[in-house]
């Protein structure tokens, strides 16, 4: 199958491309490097890379592919609150342009658990708006994957964002550098007062995308949650890192960040497992270990 991957230089997309190629697919990747890293672009006989904008109709209309995996999009909740226009232009406007210009039989959308609470941020609302458009579309067989917290790493494609806002890499960086780790919010309605998230390994996410390619050969619309169904608080993550590396991390507590939900844990995971014949293979310990190995 010939697959177009937008946001190809990003963390999740690059790991998914690696797996697509291993499974024998041909891939066209597109990225403008506004947030992605050139280091994530690999040299492979079945991979062609285009440096460009997935929202450019002239570029997209020239491509003929079997499926499109749309990873392109900005991901910072905090930035979206400060710059909502940027997020609606990129995550919604350019995605709608992509949908209009694309010649494909499948479209797989990289959504977010944040879409379940669209009032929290422009980022969350931007994801929901695209979900709604795909639900009503009849141009493609559509698959929507609502990610929970993508984490973990591989040696070739570690988790790197600029700036880094994700807890596990920040915790490990603090351990490596001896810096204080800032925890936002200690007054949430949770057992230890810090917010709770569901962490899923990037390779489990990538595998789910491969499974969905096959499923969309006969299903015209699927909307699934991708997580483990188990939540961990911020302090639990810190303690897990400390235990694994046998090192104490100095903490600094700050006020809540605007847009952060108290708890985001995947539901209906049994349905996802059944539909895709898939299950998460990596534990939280695996996620932390792989992140640690990729950053030191």
Protein backbone atom coordinates (compact mmCIF):
# COMPACT_ATOMS: atom_id res chain seq x y z
CA UNK A 1 0.00 0.00 0.00
CA UNK A 2 1.22 3.53 -0.77
CA UNK A 3 0.74 5.69 2.33
CA UNK A 4 1.07 9.46 2.64
CA UNK A 5 2.26 10.51 6.11
CA UNK A 6 1.96 14.16 7.12
CA UNK A 7 4.10 15.53 9.93
CA UNK A 8 6.63 12.88 8.92
CA UNK A 9 9.47 14.43 10.92
CA UNK A 10 7.55 14.22 14.18
CA UNK A 11 7.92 11.77 17.06
CA UNK A 12 4.91 9.51 16.48
CA UNK A 13 4.89 9.79 12.69
CA UNK A 14 8.56 8.86 12.28
CA UNK A 15 8.16 5.75 14.43
CA UNK A 16 5.06 4.80 12.46
CA UNK A 17 6.91 5.25 9.16
CA UNK A 18 9.62 2.86 10.37
CA UNK A 19 6.98 0.23 11.08
CA UNK A 20 5.14 0.84 7.79
CA UNK A 21 8.38 0.23 5.90
CA UNK A 22 9.14 -2.91 7.89
CA UNK A 23 5.68 -4.20 6.98
CA UNK A 24 6.43 -3.70 3.27
CA UNK A 25 4.44 -0.54 2.57
CA UNK A 26 5.64 2.35 0.43
CA UNK A 27 5.57 5.75 2.13
CA UNK A 28 5.57 9.37 1.05
CA UNK A 29 6.35 11.70 3.93
CA UNK A 30 5.69 15.42 4.05
CA UNK A 31 6.84 17.96 6.64
CA UNK A 32 7.81 21.63 6.70
CA UNK A 33 10.04 21.21 9.79
CA UNK A 34 8.11 23.86 11.71
CA UNK A 35 8.12 21.48 14.67
CA UNK A 36 9.57 18.20 13.35
CA UNK A 37 13.24 17.23 13.33
CA UNK A 38 15.28 16.53 10.15
CA UNK A 39 16.97 13.76 12.15
CA UNK A 40 13.73 11.77 11.93
CA UNK A 41 13.86 11.54 8.13
CA UNK A 42 15.33 8.19 7.16
CA UNK A 43 16.93 6.93 3.97
CA UNK A 44 14.98 3.96 2.63
CA UNK A 45 14.29 2.67 -0.86
CA UNK A 46 10.52 2.70 -0.25
CA UNK A 47 10.39 6.14 1.38
CA UNK A 48 10.13 9.46 -0.46
CA UNK A 49 10.24 12.70 1.47
CA UNK A 50 8.77 16.04 0.44
CA UNK A 51 9.67 19.18 2.34
CA UNK A 52 6.48 21.17 2.16
CA UNK A 53 3.12 22.13 3.64
CA UNK A 54 0.39 19.52 3.84
CA UNK A 55 -2.10 22.39 3.57
CA UNK A 56 -0.83 23.30 0.08
CA UNK A 57 -3.52 22.12 -2.38
CA UNK A 58 -1.18 22.34 -5.39
CA UNK A 59 1.24 19.96 -3.71
CA UNK A 60 -1.31 17.50 -2.35
CA UNK A 61 -3.40 17.33 -5.54
CA UNK A 62 -0.40 15.92 -7.43
CA UNK A 63 -0.22 12.86 -5.16
CA UNK A 64 -2.10 9.62 -5.69
CA UNK A 65 -1.97 7.38 -2.64
CA UNK A 66 -3.96 4.54 -1.11
CA UNK A 67 -4.08 5.95 2.41
CA UNK A 68 -3.16 9.10 4.31
CA UNK A 69 -2.05 9.12 7.94
CA UNK A 70 -2.42 12.69 9.14
CA UNK A 71 -0.01 13.40 12.00
CA UNK A 72 0.59 17.02 11.02
CA UNK A 73 -0.61 19.50 13.61
CA UNK A 74 0.48 21.58 16.55
CA UNK A 75 0.20 19.86 19.93
CA UNK A 76 0.78 22.34 22.78
CA UNK A 77 -2.30 23.00 24.91
CA UNK A 78 -0.63 25.98 26.58
CA UNK A 79 0.43 27.57 23.29
CA UNK A 80 -3.04 27.08 21.81
CA UNK A 81 -4.53 29.13 24.65
CA UNK A 82 -2.11 31.98 23.92
CA UNK A 83 -2.32 31.65 20.12
CA UNK A 84 -5.70 30.15 19.18
CA UNK A 85 -5.60 31.52 15.63
CA UNK A 86 -2.38 29.61 14.95
CA UNK A 87 -4.02 26.35 16.02
CA UNK A 88 -7.27 26.81 14.16
CA UNK A 89 -5.40 27.83 11.00
CA UNK A 90 -3.03 24.86 11.09
CA UNK A 91 -4.95 22.08 12.80
CA UNK A 92 -8.33 22.84 11.22
CA UNK A 93 -7.90 25.06 8.15
CA UNK A 94 -4.94 23.22 6.65
CA UNK A 95 -6.47 19.84 7.48
CA UNK A 96 -9.65 20.79 5.64
CA UNK A 97 -7.51 21.84 2.66
CA UNK A 98 -5.74 18.47 2.82
CA UNK A 99 -9.08 16.65 2.84
CA UNK A 100 -10.33 18.61 -0.16
CA UNK A 101 -7.16 18.10 -2.21
CA UNK A 102 -6.38 14.48 -1.37
CA UNK A 103 -6.88 11.59 -3.79
CA UNK A 104 -7.04 8.55 -1.51
CA UNK A 105 -9.37 5.80 -0.39
CA UNK A 106 -8.46 6.01 3.32
CA UNK A 107 -7.81 8.77 5.82
CA UNK A 108 -6.44 8.11 9.32
CA UNK A 109 -6.52 11.06 11.70
CA UNK A 110 -4.18 11.53 14.64
CA UNK A 111 -6.60 12.92 17.21
CA UNK A 112 -6.32 13.34 20.96
CA UNK A 113 -8.08 12.44 24.16
CA UNK A 114 -8.28 16.20 24.64
CA UNK A 115 -11.08 16.22 22.06
CA UNK A 116 -13.36 14.74 24.72
CA UNK A 117 -13.14 18.05 26.63
CA UNK A 118 -13.14 20.70 23.88
CA UNK A 119 -13.87 23.58 26.28
CA UNK A 120 -10.43 23.16 27.86
CA UNK A 121 -8.37 24.63 25.03
CA UNK A 122 -8.31 25.67 21.36
CA UNK A 123 -6.07 22.65 20.77
CA UNK A 124 -8.77 20.30 22.07
CA UNK A 125 -11.47 22.05 20.04
CA UNK A 126 -9.36 21.94 16.88
CA UNK A 127 -9.11 18.16 17.17
CA UNK A 128 -12.85 17.79 17.74
CA UNK A 129 -13.69 19.99 14.75
CA UNK A 130 -11.70 17.73 12.43
CA UNK A 131 -13.28 14.65 14.00
CA UNK A 132 -16.73 16.07 13.27
CA UNK A 133 -15.82 16.83 9.65
CA UNK A 134 -14.54 13.29 9.16
CA UNK A 135 -17.64 11.81 10.74
CA UNK A 136 -19.80 13.62 8.18
CA UNK A 137 -17.53 13.02 5.18
CA UNK A 138 -18.18 10.30 2.61
CA UNK A 139 -15.05 10.77 0.48
CA UNK A 140 -12.86 8.25 2.32
CA UNK A 141 -12.95 5.33 4.64
CA UNK A 142 -12.07 7.25 7.80
CA UNK A 143 -10.29 6.18 10.95
CA UNK A 144 -9.97 8.46 13.99
CA UNK A 145 -7.49 7.49 16.70
CA UNK A 146 -7.75 9.42 19.94
CA UNK A 147 -4.33 9.15 21.54
CA UNK A 148 -3.75 9.34 25.23
CA UNK A 149 -0.24 10.34 26.37
CA UNK A 150 2.23 9.10 23.77
CA UNK A 151 5.51 8.26 25.45
CA UNK A 152 8.48 5.93 25.30
CA UNK A 153 11.10 6.12 22.58
CA UNK A 154 13.31 4.25 20.19
CA UNK A 155 17.01 4.79 19.59
CA UNK A 156 16.38 6.08 16.07
CA UNK A 157 13.39 8.26 16.95
CA UNK A 158 13.53 9.51 20.57
CA UNK A 159 10.89 11.80 22.03
CA UNK A 160 12.10 15.34 21.40
CA UNK A 161 9.99 18.48 21.36
CA UNK A 162 11.08 22.10 21.37
CA UNK A 163 10.22 23.22 23.94
CA UNK A 164 9.78 19.92 25.76
CA UNK A 165 6.53 19.88 27.74
CA UNK A 166 5.97 16.15 28.32
CA UNK A 167 6.39 14.81 31.82
CA UNK A 168 8.43 11.63 31.35
CA UNK A 169 11.25 13.16 29.26
CA UNK A 170 11.27 16.21 31.53
CA UNK A 171 11.54 13.98 34.60
CA UNK A 172 14.43 12.02 33.11
CA UNK A 173 16.19 15.22 32.00
CA UNK A 174 15.89 16.55 35.55
CA UNK A 175 17.43 13.35 36.86
CA UNK A 176 20.28 13.53 34.37
CA UNK A 177 21.01 17.23 34.82
CA UNK A 178 20.29 17.60 38.52
CA UNK A 179 17.71 20.33 37.84
CA UNK A 180 14.45 20.85 39.66
CA UNK A 181 11.38 19.34 38.05
CA UNK A 182 8.36 21.61 37.99
CA UNK A 183 5.01 19.96 38.73
CA UNK A 184 1.96 21.99 37.76
CA UNK A 185 -0.85 21.70 40.27
CA UNK A 186 -1.03 19.92 43.61
CA UNK A 187 -4.69 20.54 44.36
CA UNK A 188 -6.44 18.30 41.85
CA UNK A 189 -9.17 15.96 43.06
CA UNK A 190 -6.90 12.91 42.90
CA UNK A 191 -5.31 10.71 45.60
CA UNK A 192 -2.06 12.69 45.69
CA UNK A 193 -3.33 16.03 44.33
CA UNK A 194 -1.55 15.82 40.97
CA UNK A 195 -3.28 15.20 37.66
CA UNK A 196 -3.57 11.71 36.16
CA UNK A 197 -2.72 10.58 32.64
CA UNK A 198 -2.76 7.34 30.64
CA UNK A 199 0.68 6.71 29.09
CA UNK A 200 1.02 4.56 25.95
CA UNK A 201 4.24 3.59 24.19
CA UNK A 202 4.82 5.15 20.78
CA UNK A 203 5.42 1.70 19.28
CA UNK A 204 2.01 0.54 20.49
CA UNK A 205 0.52 3.61 18.80
CA UNK A 206 2.41 2.87 15.58
CA UNK A 207 1.23 -0.73 15.59
CA UNK A 208 -2.40 0.39 15.97
CA UNK A 209 -2.05 2.50 12.82
CA UNK A 210 -0.83 -0.52 10.85
CA UNK A 211 -3.77 -2.56 12.10
CA UNK A 212 -6.17 0.20 11.11
CA UNK A 213 -4.89 0.23 7.53
CA UNK A 214 -6.26 -3.29 7.07
CA UNK A 215 -9.48 -2.63 8.96
CA UNK A 216 -10.36 0.34 6.76
CA UNK A 217 -10.38 -1.86 3.68
CA UNK A 218 -13.96 -2.72 4.59
CA UNK A 219 -15.05 -0.31 7.35
CA UNK A 220 -15.96 3.20 6.22
CA UNK A 221 -15.77 4.90 9.64
CA UNK A 222 -14.07 4.01 12.94
CA UNK A 223 -13.40 6.18 16.01
CA UNK A 224 -11.18 4.54 18.63
CA UNK A 225 -9.37 5.38 21.86
CA UNK A 226 -5.67 4.45 22.06
CA UNK A 227 -4.44 4.06 25.60
CA UNK A 228 -3.88 1.40 28.22
CA UNK A 229 -6.92 2.10 30.37
CA UNK A 230 -4.68 2.72 33.40
CA UNK A 231 -3.86 6.16 34.77
CA UNK A 232 -0.77 7.37 36.64
CA UNK A 233 -0.46 10.63 38.54
CA UNK A 234 2.42 13.04 38.01
CA UNK A 235 3.94 12.04 41.33
CA UNK A 236 3.61 8.35 40.48
CA UNK A 237 5.62 8.99 37.31
CA UNK A 238 8.33 10.77 39.30
CA UNK A 239 8.52 7.92 41.82
CA UNK A 240 8.70 5.34 39.02
CA UNK A 241 11.61 7.18 37.40
CA UNK A 242 13.38 7.54 40.77
CA UNK A 243 12.98 3.83 41.45
CA UNK A 244 14.28 2.79 38.06
CA UNK A 245 17.40 4.99 38.08
CA UNK A 246 17.92 4.93 41.86
CA UNK A 247 18.15 8.70 42.02
CA UNK A 248 16.15 11.36 43.89
CA UNK A 249 14.56 14.14 41.85
CA UNK A 250 14.15 17.62 43.33
CA UNK A 251 10.59 18.89 42.82
CA UNK A 252 9.09 22.37 42.57
CA UNK A 253 5.34 22.74 42.69
CA UNK A 254 3.64 25.47 40.70
CA UNK A 255 0.03 26.45 40.03
CA UNK A 256 -2.13 24.52 37.60
CA UNK A 257 -1.63 25.11 33.89
CA UNK A 258 -4.65 26.49 32.09
CA UNK A 259 -6.31 23.80 29.98
CA UNK A 260 -5.05 20.80 31.97
CA UNK A 261 -7.72 18.25 32.85
CA UNK A 262 -7.76 16.49 36.21
CA UNK A 263 -7.71 12.98 34.76
CA UNK A 264 -7.50 11.57 31.23
CA UNK A 265 -7.63 7.78 31.11
CA UNK A 266 -8.72 5.78 28.07
CA UNK A 267 -12.14 4.14 28.13
CA UNK A 268 -13.57 1.47 25.81
CA UNK A 269 -10.13 -0.07 25.33
CA UNK A 270 -11.71 -3.53 25.07
CA UNK A 271 -13.59 -2.26 22.01
CA UNK A 272 -10.35 -0.97 20.43
CA UNK A 273 -8.63 -4.28 21.11
CA UNK A 274 -11.45 -6.21 19.48
CA UNK A 275 -11.82 -3.98 16.41
CA UNK A 276 -8.10 -3.82 15.62
CA UNK A 277 -7.02 -7.20 17.04
CA UNK A 278 -4.50 -5.13 18.98
CA UNK A 279 -3.36 -4.58 22.53
CA UNK A 280 -0.64 -2.49 24.22
CA UNK A 281 2.53 -4.54 24.57
CA UNK A 282 4.63 -2.10 26.60
CA UNK A 283 4.31 -1.34 30.32
CA UNK A 284 4.97 1.96 32.08
CA UNK A 285 8.32 0.53 33.16
CA UNK A 286 9.16 -0.19 29.50
CA UNK A 287 8.20 3.36 28.57
CA UNK A 288 10.45 4.86 31.23
CA UNK A 289 13.33 2.50 30.44
CA UNK A 290 13.19 3.25 26.71
CA UNK A 291 12.99 7.00 27.32
CA UNK A 292 15.94 6.79 29.72
CA UNK A 293 18.05 4.82 27.22
CA UNK A 294 17.26 7.27 24.42
CA UNK A 295 18.22 10.40 26.37
CA UNK A 296 21.44 9.55 28.20
